[in-house]
Structure formats: structure tokens, C-alpha cells
Amino acid sequence: MTNRFLQVFLGLTLAALSCTALGQQPNPKSEARLESLFKAGQMPFVKIGDSHYAAVVTTDDGVSDRFHVFLSTIGNDPNDEALQVIQMVFYLGEIPKGATAPVALIKKMNEWNGTLSRGSVFIVGQSVIYQSSGWLFKSDSGSLELDALVGHFSAVSLRKEVEPYLKQ
């Protein structure tokens, strides 16, 4: 694995941990449900850790994007299926090592987060990421794929907008 991949992986893991801090890890039944949705939608995936997956979404024109998926629970009951959340995380870019996030980027992120119809952009470590989420119990293979495609197209657009801030 490259250092860049490890940095992104660690950043995404930190994001998942911060997002799940309020709840507990979902039960194995929830993981099995998510895996069945990946399989039914023919979406390639690999389990990275407890409730953490890497998956690939491919558009109709053959463009693929790798993203991370985390299962988390809102509240304290990991057996309450109505409170299981799927989080999809897409990598947007990297702030150069030793640099801090440009103020202009932070202002732009606040603007995006106020206007995005779905998801949010934030920084974890040096990684700039886009995250969106949905309810596991309301998901089927089609909605999971649609959510991943929305995440992909949002990330493609946001990557283009983030890039100039990372070159400063």
C-alpha cells in the first residue's frame, strides 16, 4: 500500500470513529444486510474492518469510483434496526503535508455545506472528504447504488472545486 492510501484510510477511519462516537457499532445482522445489498446490486466491495467497507460504483459510461462505507448506530441500542445508518465517504483531495487548510477553502466548505442538497464536505487530518448517509432499514440494492452514484457525481464536481485550494 502506498503512503497516500494509508493516509486516506486513516483519515476516513477517523471520520467514521467521530461519526459513530454517539452510538455503538451495529450488530452482525446489519453487516450481513449491507453485504447482501452490495451483492444484489453487483457492487464490488471488500470488508476492511468491523462495519467498514471499501466499495466501487461504476457509472453507465464505465467510470468507476472507490469509496468507503461505514455502518453506525444512532443511540445506544445496536439491535434497533431503525437506527442503523450507512455512511458513504468519498476522497476529494489532500492538504499538503505540514500545511494547514487554507482559510478560503474553509469558507468555501461552509458555503457548500449550506447549499448541498445532500451530504457534507469536511477535513479529517489532511484529507478533504465528502460524506453522505442514509438509513440501512430503508435501503435496497437499487437505492444503495443510487446513493453511491449521487455520492460519486457530487465528489467528481467537488474534487474539481477543491483542487485549486490544495495547490496554494
N, C-alpha and C. Protein backbone atom coordinates (compact mmCIF):
# COMPACT_ATOMS: atom_id res chain seq x y z
N MET A 1 0.83 -1.18 0.00
CA MET A 1 0.00 0.00 0.00
C MET A 1 0.88 1.24 0.00
N THR A 2 0.40 2.26 -0.67
CA THR A 2 1.16 3.50 -0.71
C THR A 2 0.89 4.32 0.54
N ASN A 3 1.80 5.24 0.83
CA ASN A 3 1.61 6.13 1.98
C ASN A 3 0.34 6.94 1.82
N ARG A 4 0.06 7.39 0.61
CA ARG A 4 -1.14 8.20 0.37
C ARG A 4 -2.40 7.40 0.71
N PHE A 5 -2.44 6.14 0.27
CA PHE A 5 -3.60 5.30 0.58
C PHE A 5 -3.76 5.14 2.09
N LEU A 6 -2.64 4.91 2.77
CA LEU A 6 -2.70 4.76 4.22
C LEU A 6 -3.18 6.03 4.90
N GLN A 7 -2.75 7.18 4.41
CA GLN A 7 -3.19 8.45 4.99
C GLN A 7 -4.69 8.61 4.79
N VAL A 8 -5.16 8.33 3.60
CA VAL A 8 -6.58 8.44 3.32
C VAL A 8 -7.37 7.45 4.17
N PHE A 9 -6.88 6.22 4.24
CA PHE A 9 -7.55 5.20 5.04
C PHE A 9 -7.65 5.64 6.49
N LEU A 10 -6.54 6.14 7.04
CA LEU A 10 -6.55 6.58 8.43
C LEU A 10 -7.49 7.76 8.63
N GLY A 11 -7.48 8.67 7.67
CA GLY A 11 -8.39 9.82 7.76
C GLY A 11 -9.84 9.39 7.72
N LEU A 12 -10.16 8.47 6.83
CA LEU A 12 -11.54 8.00 6.73
C LEU A 12 -11.94 7.21 7.97
N THR A 13 -11.00 6.47 8.51
CA THR A 13 -11.28 5.74 9.74
C THR A 13 -11.56 6.70 10.88
N LEU A 14 -10.77 7.77 10.97
CA LEU A 14 -11.03 8.79 11.99
C LEU A 14 -12.39 9.43 11.80
N ALA A 15 -12.76 9.66 10.54
CA ALA A 15 -14.08 10.23 10.27
C ALA A 15 -15.18 9.29 10.75
N ALA A 16 -15.01 8.02 10.49
CA ALA A 16 -16.03 7.05 10.92
C ALA A 16 -16.11 7.00 12.43
N LEU A 17 -14.95 7.02 13.08
CA LEU A 17 -14.96 6.99 14.54
C LEU A 17 -15.64 8.22 15.11
N SER A 18 -15.40 9.37 14.52
CA SER A 18 -16.04 10.58 15.03
C SER A 18 -17.54 10.55 14.77
N CYS A 19 -17.94 9.94 13.67
CA CYS A 19 -19.37 9.87 13.35
C CYS A 19 -20.10 8.83 14.18
N THR A 20 -19.39 7.83 14.68
CA THR A 20 -20.04 6.79 15.46
C THR A 20 -19.86 6.99 16.96
N ALA A 21 -19.25 8.08 17.33
CA ALA A 21 -18.96 8.31 18.75
C ALA A 21 -20.22 8.36 19.60
N LEU A 22 -21.34 8.78 19.01
CA LEU A 22 -22.57 8.88 19.76
C LEU A 22 -23.27 7.54 19.93
N GLY A 23 -22.96 6.59 19.08
CA GLY A 23 -23.65 5.30 19.14
C GLY A 23 -22.66 4.16 19.23
N GLN A 24 -23.20 2.95 19.16
CA GLN A 24 -22.38 1.75 19.20
C GLN A 24 -22.29 1.16 17.81
N GLN A 25 -21.37 0.21 17.63
CA GLN A 25 -21.25 -0.47 16.35
C GLN A 25 -22.50 -1.30 16.11
N PRO A 26 -22.98 -1.33 14.87
CA PRO A 26 -24.14 -2.15 14.55
C PRO A 26 -23.87 -3.63 14.79
N ASN A 27 -24.94 -4.40 14.88
CA ASN A 27 -24.78 -5.83 15.11
C ASN A 27 -24.43 -6.54 13.79
N PRO A 28 -23.95 -7.78 13.87
CA PRO A 28 -23.56 -8.53 12.66
C PRO A 28 -24.71 -8.69 11.66
N LYS A 29 -25.93 -8.70 12.13
CA LYS A 29 -27.09 -8.81 11.24
C LYS A 29 -27.14 -7.61 10.28
N SER A 30 -26.77 -6.44 10.77
CA SER A 30 -26.76 -5.24 9.94
C SER A 30 -25.65 -5.33 8.89
N GLU A 31 -24.50 -5.84 9.29
CA GLU A 31 -23.41 -6.02 8.33
C GLU A 31 -23.83 -7.00 7.23
N ALA A 32 -24.49 -8.08 7.62
CA ALA A 32 -24.95 -9.07 6.64
C ALA A 32 -25.96 -8.44 5.68
N ARG A 33 -26.83 -7.59 6.20
CA ARG A 33 -27.81 -6.91 5.33
C ARG A 33 -27.10 -6.02 4.32
N LEU A 34 -26.13 -5.22 4.79
CA LEU A 34 -25.40 -4.34 3.87
C LEU A 34 -24.66 -5.15 2.82
N GLU A 35 -24.00 -6.22 3.23
CA GLU A 35 -23.29 -7.07 2.27
C GLU A 35 -24.24 -7.67 1.24
N SER A 36 -25.44 -8.04 1.66
CA SER A 36 -26.41 -8.59 0.71
C SER A 36 -26.85 -7.52 -0.28
N LEU A 37 -26.93 -6.27 0.15
CA LEU A 37 -27.29 -5.17 -0.76
C LEU A 37 -26.19 -4.94 -1.79
N PHE A 38 -24.93 -4.99 -1.34
CA PHE A 38 -23.81 -4.87 -2.28
C PHE A 38 -23.89 -5.97 -3.33
N LYS A 39 -24.09 -7.20 -2.87
CA LYS A 39 -24.12 -8.35 -3.78
C LYS A 39 -25.30 -8.27 -4.74
N ALA A 40 -26.47 -7.94 -4.23
CA ALA A 40 -27.67 -7.86 -5.08
C ALA A 40 -27.51 -6.77 -6.14
N GLY A 41 -26.82 -5.69 -5.80
CA GLY A 41 -26.59 -4.61 -6.75
C GLY A 41 -25.34 -4.80 -7.59
N GLN A 42 -24.68 -5.95 -7.43
CA GLN A 42 -23.45 -6.27 -8.14
C GLN A 42 -22.42 -5.15 -8.00
N MET A 43 -22.32 -4.62 -6.77
CA MET A 43 -21.37 -3.57 -6.46
C MET A 43 -20.17 -4.22 -5.75
N PRO A 44 -19.00 -4.20 -6.39
CA PRO A 44 -17.82 -4.80 -5.76
C PRO A 44 -17.52 -4.14 -4.41
N PHE A 45 -17.14 -4.96 -3.44
CA PHE A 45 -16.82 -4.44 -2.11
C PHE A 45 -15.86 -5.37 -1.42
N VAL A 46 -15.19 -4.84 -0.42
CA VAL A 46 -14.33 -5.64 0.45
C VAL A 46 -14.52 -5.10 1.86
N LYS A 47 -14.59 -6.02 2.81
CA LYS A 47 -14.73 -5.62 4.20
C LYS A 47 -13.33 -5.29 4.72
N ILE A 48 -13.19 -4.09 5.27
CA ILE A 48 -11.89 -3.62 5.76
C ILE A 48 -11.76 -3.85 7.26
N GLY A 49 -12.86 -3.71 7.96
CA GLY A 49 -12.86 -3.87 9.41
C GLY A 49 -14.28 -3.98 9.88
N ASP A 50 -14.48 -3.96 11.19
CA ASP A 50 -15.83 -4.01 11.73
C ASP A 50 -16.65 -2.85 11.19
N SER A 51 -17.72 -3.17 10.50
CA SER A 51 -18.66 -2.18 9.97
C SER A 51 -18.00 -1.17 9.03
N HIS A 52 -16.92 -1.56 8.36
CA HIS A 52 -16.18 -0.67 7.46
C HIS A 52 -15.87 -1.43 6.17
N TYR A 53 -16.26 -0.83 5.04
CA TYR A 53 -16.10 -1.45 3.74
C TYR A 53 -15.51 -0.47 2.74
N ALA A 54 -14.83 -0.99 1.75
CA ALA A 54 -14.46 -0.22 0.57
C ALA A 54 -15.31 -0.80 -0.55
N ALA A 55 -15.90 0.07 -1.35
CA ALA A 55 -16.77 -0.37 -2.44
C ALA A 55 -16.45 0.44 -3.69
N VAL A 56 -16.97 -0.03 -4.81
CA VAL A 56 -16.75 0.64 -6.09
C VAL A 56 -18.11 0.82 -6.75
N VAL A 57 -18.33 2.04 -7.24
CA VAL A 57 -19.53 2.32 -8.02
C VAL A 57 -19.06 2.64 -9.44
N THR A 58 -19.82 2.15 -10.43
CA THR A 58 -19.48 2.38 -11.83
C THR A 58 -20.67 3.02 -12.53
N THR A 59 -20.39 4.10 -13.25
CA THR A 59 -21.45 4.81 -13.97
C THR A 59 -21.77 4.07 -15.27
N ASP A 60 -22.86 4.49 -15.92
CA ASP A 60 -23.25 3.88 -17.18
C ASP A 60 -22.19 4.04 -18.27
N ASP A 61 -21.37 5.10 -18.17
CA ASP A 61 -20.32 5.30 -19.17
C ASP A 61 -18.99 4.66 -18.77
N GLY A 62 -19.01 3.79 -17.75
CA GLY A 62 -17.85 3.00 -17.38
C GLY A 62 -16.85 3.64 -16.43
N VAL A 63 -17.16 4.81 -15.90
CA VAL A 63 -16.27 5.46 -14.95
C VAL A 63 -16.52 4.87 -13.57
N SER A 64 -15.44 4.46 -12.89
CA SER A 64 -15.57 3.86 -11.56
C SER A 64 -14.97 4.77 -10.50
N ASP A 65 -15.51 4.67 -9.30
CA ASP A 65 -15.01 5.46 -8.18
C ASP A 65 -15.03 4.57 -6.95
N ARG A 66 -13.92 4.55 -6.23
CA ARG A 66 -13.84 3.79 -4.98
C ARG A 66 -14.22 4.71 -3.83
N PHE A 67 -14.96 4.17 -2.89
CA PHE A 67 -15.38 4.95 -1.73
C PHE A 67 -15.46 4.03 -0.52
N HIS A 68 -15.57 4.63 0.65
CA HIS A 68 -15.66 3.86 1.89
C HIS A 68 -17.09 3.91 2.41
N VAL A 69 -17.51 2.83 3.02
CA VAL A 69 -18.84 2.73 3.59
C VAL A 69 -18.69 2.29 5.05
N PHE A 70 -19.37 3.00 5.92
CA PHE A 70 -19.34 2.70 7.35
C PHE A 70 -20.77 2.49 7.82
N LEU A 71 -20.96 1.49 8.65
CA LEU A 71 -22.24 1.32 9.33
C LEU A 71 -22.09 1.90 10.72
N SER A 72 -23.08 2.61 11.15
CA SER A 72 -23.07 3.13 12.52
C SER A 72 -24.48 3.08 13.08
N THR A 73 -24.57 3.28 14.36
CA THR A 73 -25.85 3.25 15.05
C THR A 73 -26.06 4.58 15.75
N ILE A 74 -27.23 5.13 15.59
CA ILE A 74 -27.59 6.32 16.34
C ILE A 74 -28.24 5.82 17.62
N GLY A 75 -27.77 6.30 18.74
CA GLY A 75 -28.32 5.86 20.01
C GLY A 75 -27.49 4.75 20.62
N ASN A 76 -28.04 4.12 21.62
CA ASN A 76 -27.28 3.13 22.39
C ASN A 76 -27.70 1.69 22.17
N ASP A 77 -28.65 1.45 21.27
CA ASP A 77 -29.13 0.09 21.05
C ASP A 77 -28.68 -0.41 19.68
N PRO A 78 -27.60 -1.19 19.62
CA PRO A 78 -27.12 -1.67 18.33
C PRO A 78 -28.06 -2.68 17.67
N ASN A 79 -29.09 -3.11 18.37
CA ASN A 79 -30.04 -4.06 17.80
C ASN A 79 -31.27 -3.37 17.20
N ASP A 80 -31.39 -2.07 17.37
CA ASP A 80 -32.52 -1.33 16.82
C ASP A 80 -32.24 -1.03 15.35
N GLU A 81 -32.80 -1.86 14.47
CA GLU A 81 -32.53 -1.74 13.04
C GLU A 81 -33.00 -0.41 12.47
N ALA A 82 -33.95 0.23 13.09
CA ALA A 82 -34.45 1.52 12.59
C ALA A 82 -33.44 2.64 12.78
N LEU A 83 -32.40 2.40 13.57
CA LEU A 83 -31.41 3.44 13.84
C LEU A 83 -30.03 3.13 13.25
N GLN A 84 -29.97 2.20 12.28
CA GLN A 84 -28.72 1.85 11.62
C GLN A 84 -28.52 2.80 10.44
N VAL A 85 -27.32 3.38 10.35
CA VAL A 85 -27.01 4.38 9.32
C VAL A 85 -25.87 3.88 8.44
N ILE A 86 -26.03 4.09 7.13
CA ILE A 86 -24.97 3.81 6.15
C ILE A 86 -24.31 5.15 5.84
N GLN A 87 -23.01 5.23 6.02
CA GLN A 87 -22.26 6.44 5.68
C GLN A 87 -21.35 6.14 4.50
N MET A 88 -21.43 6.95 3.46
CA MET A 88 -20.57 6.81 2.29
C MET A 88 -19.60 7.98 2.28
N VAL A 89 -18.31 7.65 2.15
CA VAL A 89 -17.27 8.67 2.23
C VAL A 89 -16.42 8.62 0.95
N PHE A 90 -16.32 9.76 0.29
CA PHE A 90 -15.54 9.91 -0.94
C PHE A 90 -14.38 10.86 -0.70
N TYR A 91 -13.21 10.48 -1.16
CA TYR A 91 -12.00 11.28 -1.02
C TYR A 91 -12.01 12.40 -2.06
N LEU A 92 -11.73 13.64 -1.63
CA LEU A 92 -11.71 14.78 -2.54
C LEU A 92 -10.31 15.31 -2.80
N GLY A 93 -9.43 15.19 -1.85
CA GLY A 93 -8.09 15.71 -2.04
C GLY A 93 -7.32 15.73 -0.73
N GLU A 94 -6.08 16.17 -0.84
CA GLU A 94 -5.17 16.14 0.29
C GLU A 94 -4.53 17.51 0.47
N ILE A 95 -4.57 18.03 1.68
CA ILE A 95 -3.85 19.25 2.02
C ILE A 95 -2.39 18.84 2.14
N PRO A 96 -1.49 19.60 1.53
CA PRO A 96 -0.07 19.21 1.58
C PRO A 96 0.42 19.02 3.01
N LYS A 97 1.30 18.04 3.17
CA LYS A 97 1.86 17.72 4.48
C LYS A 97 2.52 18.96 5.07
N GLY A 98 2.25 19.23 6.32
CA GLY A 98 2.82 20.38 7.00
C GLY A 98 2.04 21.66 6.82
N ALA A 99 1.09 21.67 5.90
CA ALA A 99 0.28 22.86 5.65
C ALA A 99 -1.03 22.78 6.43
N THR A 100 -1.63 23.92 6.63
CA THR A 100 -2.95 23.96 7.25
C THR A 100 -3.97 24.23 6.15
N ALA A 101 -5.21 23.96 6.44
CA ALA A 101 -6.26 24.19 5.45
C ALA A 101 -6.34 25.68 5.15
N PRO A 102 -6.34 26.05 3.87
CA PRO A 102 -6.48 27.45 3.52
C PRO A 102 -7.81 28.02 4.02
N VAL A 103 -7.77 29.23 4.52
CA VAL A 103 -8.98 29.88 5.02
C VAL A 103 -10.03 29.94 3.92
N ALA A 104 -9.60 30.21 2.69
CA ALA A 104 -10.55 30.28 1.57
C ALA A 104 -11.26 28.95 1.36
N LEU A 105 -10.54 27.83 1.56
CA LEU A 105 -11.16 26.51 1.43
C LEU A 105 -12.19 26.30 2.53
N ILE A 106 -11.86 26.68 3.74
CA ILE A 106 -12.80 26.52 4.86
C ILE A 106 -14.06 27.35 4.61
N LYS A 107 -13.90 28.56 4.12
CA LYS A 107 -15.06 29.40 3.79
C LYS A 107 -15.89 28.73 2.69
N LYS A 108 -15.22 28.19 1.68
CA LYS A 108 -15.93 27.52 0.58
C LYS A 108 -16.66 26.28 1.10
N MET A 109 -16.03 25.55 2.00
CA MET A 109 -16.67 24.36 2.57
C MET A 109 -17.94 24.76 3.33
N ASN A 110 -17.88 25.84 4.06
CA ASN A 110 -19.08 26.32 4.76
C ASN A 110 -20.18 26.67 3.77
N GLU A 111 -19.80 27.26 2.66
CA GLU A 111 -20.77 27.58 1.61
C GLU A 111 -21.39 26.30 1.04
N TRP A 112 -20.52 25.34 0.68
CA TRP A 112 -21.03 24.07 0.14
C TRP A 112 -21.97 23.40 1.14
N ASN A 113 -21.54 23.33 2.39
CA ASN A 113 -22.34 22.64 3.40
C ASN A 113 -23.66 23.33 3.67
N GLY A 114 -23.77 24.60 3.33
CA GLY A 114 -25.03 25.31 3.45
C GLY A 114 -25.92 25.15 2.23
N THR A 115 -25.34 24.70 1.11
CA THR A 115 -26.13 24.61 -0.12
C THR A 115 -26.25 23.20 -0.70
N LEU A 116 -25.40 22.27 -0.28
CA LEU A 116 -25.52 20.90 -0.81
C LEU A 116 -26.88 20.32 -0.41
N SER A 117 -27.55 19.71 -1.37
CA SER A 117 -28.84 19.11 -1.05
C SER A 117 -28.67 17.82 -0.25
N ARG A 118 -27.46 17.28 -0.32
CA ARG A 118 -27.20 16.01 0.36
C ARG A 118 -25.73 15.92 0.72
N GLY A 119 -25.42 15.50 1.93
CA GLY A 119 -24.05 15.28 2.34
C GLY A 119 -23.35 16.55 2.80
N SER A 120 -22.06 16.37 3.12
CA SER A 120 -21.25 17.49 3.58
C SER A 120 -19.79 17.24 3.27
N VAL A 121 -19.03 18.34 3.26
CA VAL A 121 -17.60 18.30 3.00
C VAL A 121 -16.90 18.68 4.29
N PHE A 122 -15.88 17.92 4.65
CA PHE A 122 -15.11 18.28 5.82
C PHE A 122 -13.68 17.76 5.71
N ILE A 123 -12.86 18.18 6.66
CA ILE A 123 -11.45 17.81 6.66
C ILE A 123 -11.19 16.91 7.87
N VAL A 124 -10.52 15.80 7.61
CA VAL A 124 -10.07 14.90 8.68
C VAL A 124 -8.58 14.72 8.46
N GLY A 125 -7.79 15.16 9.44
CA GLY A 125 -6.34 15.13 9.26
C GLY A 125 -5.98 16.06 8.12
N GLN A 126 -5.37 15.53 7.08
CA GLN A 126 -5.02 16.33 5.90
C GLN A 126 -5.96 16.03 4.73
N SER A 127 -6.91 15.13 4.91
CA SER A 127 -7.80 14.70 3.83
C SER A 127 -9.09 15.52 3.79
N VAL A 128 -9.46 15.93 2.58
CA VAL A 128 -10.73 16.61 2.36
C VAL A 128 -11.68 15.54 1.83
N ILE A 129 -12.83 15.38 2.48
CA ILE A 129 -13.75 14.30 2.10
C ILE A 129 -15.18 14.81 1.98
N TYR A 130 -15.94 14.05 1.20
CA TYR A 130 -17.38 14.27 1.06
C TYR A 130 -18.07 13.06 1.67
N GLN A 131 -19.06 13.32 2.50
CA GLN A 131 -19.75 12.23 3.19
C GLN A 131 -21.26 12.43 3.05
N SER A 132 -21.95 11.34 2.79
CA SER A 132 -23.41 11.36 2.83
C SER A 132 -23.88 10.11 3.55
N SER A 133 -25.11 10.11 3.99
CA SER A 133 -25.59 8.97 4.76
C SER A 133 -27.06 8.71 4.47
N GLY A 134 -27.48 7.52 4.86
CA GLY A 134 -28.87 7.12 4.70
C GLY A 134 -29.19 6.00 5.68
N TRP A 135 -30.45 5.69 5.79
CA TRP A 135 -30.92 4.65 6.71
C TRP A 135 -30.75 3.28 6.09
N LEU A 136 -30.15 2.35 6.82
CA LEU A 136 -29.99 0.98 6.33
C LEU A 136 -31.34 0.31 6.14
N PHE A 137 -32.26 0.47 7.09
CA PHE A 137 -33.54 -0.25 7.01
C PHE A 137 -34.41 0.21 5.84
N LYS A 138 -34.13 1.39 5.30
CA LYS A 138 -34.90 1.90 4.16
C LYS A 138 -34.21 1.60 2.83
N SER A 139 -33.03 1.00 2.88
CA SER A 139 -32.23 0.78 1.67
C SER A 139 -32.52 -0.57 1.03
N ASP A 140 -32.46 -0.57 -0.28
CA ASP A 140 -32.43 -1.80 -1.05
C ASP A 140 -31.26 -1.66 -2.01
N SER A 141 -30.99 -2.68 -2.83
CA SER A 141 -29.81 -2.62 -3.69
C SER A 141 -29.87 -1.45 -4.67
N GLY A 142 -31.06 -1.13 -5.15
CA GLY A 142 -31.22 -0.01 -6.08
C GLY A 142 -30.95 1.33 -5.42
N SER A 143 -31.47 1.52 -4.22
CA SER A 143 -31.25 2.80 -3.55
C SER A 143 -29.81 2.94 -3.09
N LEU A 144 -29.17 1.82 -2.72
CA LEU A 144 -27.76 1.88 -2.35
C LEU A 144 -26.91 2.31 -3.55
N GLU A 145 -27.20 1.73 -4.70
CA GLU A 145 -26.47 2.11 -5.91
C GLU A 145 -26.74 3.57 -6.27
N LEU A 146 -27.98 3.99 -6.16
CA LEU A 146 -28.32 5.39 -6.47
C LEU A 146 -27.60 6.33 -5.51
N ASP A 147 -27.58 6.01 -4.22
CA ASP A 147 -26.86 6.82 -3.24
C ASP A 147 -25.37 6.89 -3.58
N ALA A 148 -24.80 5.76 -4.00
CA ALA A 148 -23.38 5.74 -4.37
C ALA A 148 -23.14 6.58 -5.63
N LEU A 149 -24.05 6.52 -6.59
CA LEU A 149 -23.90 7.34 -7.80
C LEU A 149 -24.03 8.83 -7.49
N VAL A 150 -24.97 9.19 -6.63
CA VAL A 150 -25.11 10.59 -6.22
C VAL A 150 -23.82 11.03 -5.52
N GLY A 151 -23.28 10.18 -4.65
CA GLY A 151 -22.02 10.48 -3.99
C GLY A 151 -20.88 10.64 -4.97
N HIS A 152 -20.83 9.74 -5.95
CA HIS A 152 -19.77 9.81 -6.97
C HIS A 152 -19.84 11.11 -7.75
N PHE A 153 -21.01 11.44 -8.28
CA PHE A 153 -21.13 12.64 -9.10
C PHE A 153 -20.91 13.91 -8.28
N SER A 154 -21.35 13.89 -7.03
CA SER A 154 -21.08 15.03 -6.14
C SER A 154 -19.58 15.16 -5.91
N ALA A 155 -18.92 14.02 -5.64
CA ALA A 155 -17.48 14.04 -5.39
C ALA A 155 -16.69 14.50 -6.62
N VAL A 156 -17.11 14.06 -7.82
CA VAL A 156 -16.42 14.48 -9.04
C VAL A 156 -16.47 16.00 -9.16
N SER A 157 -17.63 16.56 -8.96
CA SER A 157 -17.79 18.02 -9.05
C SER A 157 -16.99 18.73 -7.96
N LEU A 158 -17.08 18.22 -6.73
CA LEU A 158 -16.38 18.85 -5.61
C LEU A 158 -14.86 18.73 -5.74
N ARG A 159 -14.36 17.62 -6.30
CA ARG A 159 -12.92 17.47 -6.49
C ARG A 159 -12.36 18.58 -7.37
N LYS A 160 -13.11 18.90 -8.44
CA LYS A 160 -12.69 19.98 -9.34
C LYS A 160 -12.66 21.32 -8.61
N GLU A 161 -13.60 21.52 -7.72
CA GLU A 161 -13.65 22.78 -6.99
C GLU A 161 -12.62 22.84 -5.85
N VAL A 162 -12.29 21.71 -5.26
CA VAL A 162 -11.33 21.65 -4.15
C VAL A 162 -9.90 21.81 -4.67
N GLU A 163 -9.62 21.25 -5.83
CA GLU A 163 -8.24 21.18 -6.35
C GLU A 163 -7.48 22.51 -6.32
N PRO A 164 -8.04 23.62 -6.77
CA PRO A 164 -7.27 24.88 -6.75
C PRO A 164 -6.85 25.31 -5.34
N TYR A 165 -7.66 25.00 -4.34
CA TYR A 165 -7.33 25.38 -2.96
C TYR A 165 -6.16 24.56 -2.41
N LEU A 166 -5.99 23.37 -2.94
CA LEU A 166 -4.93 22.49 -2.44
C LEU A 166 -3.58 22.78 -3.09
N LYS A 167 -3.59 23.58 -4.15
CA LYS A 167 -2.35 23.92 -4.85
C LYS A 167 -1.75 25.23 -4.34
N GLN A 168 -2.45 25.91 -3.45
CA GLN A 168 -1.98 27.21 -2.96
C GLN A 168 -0.82 27.08 -2.01
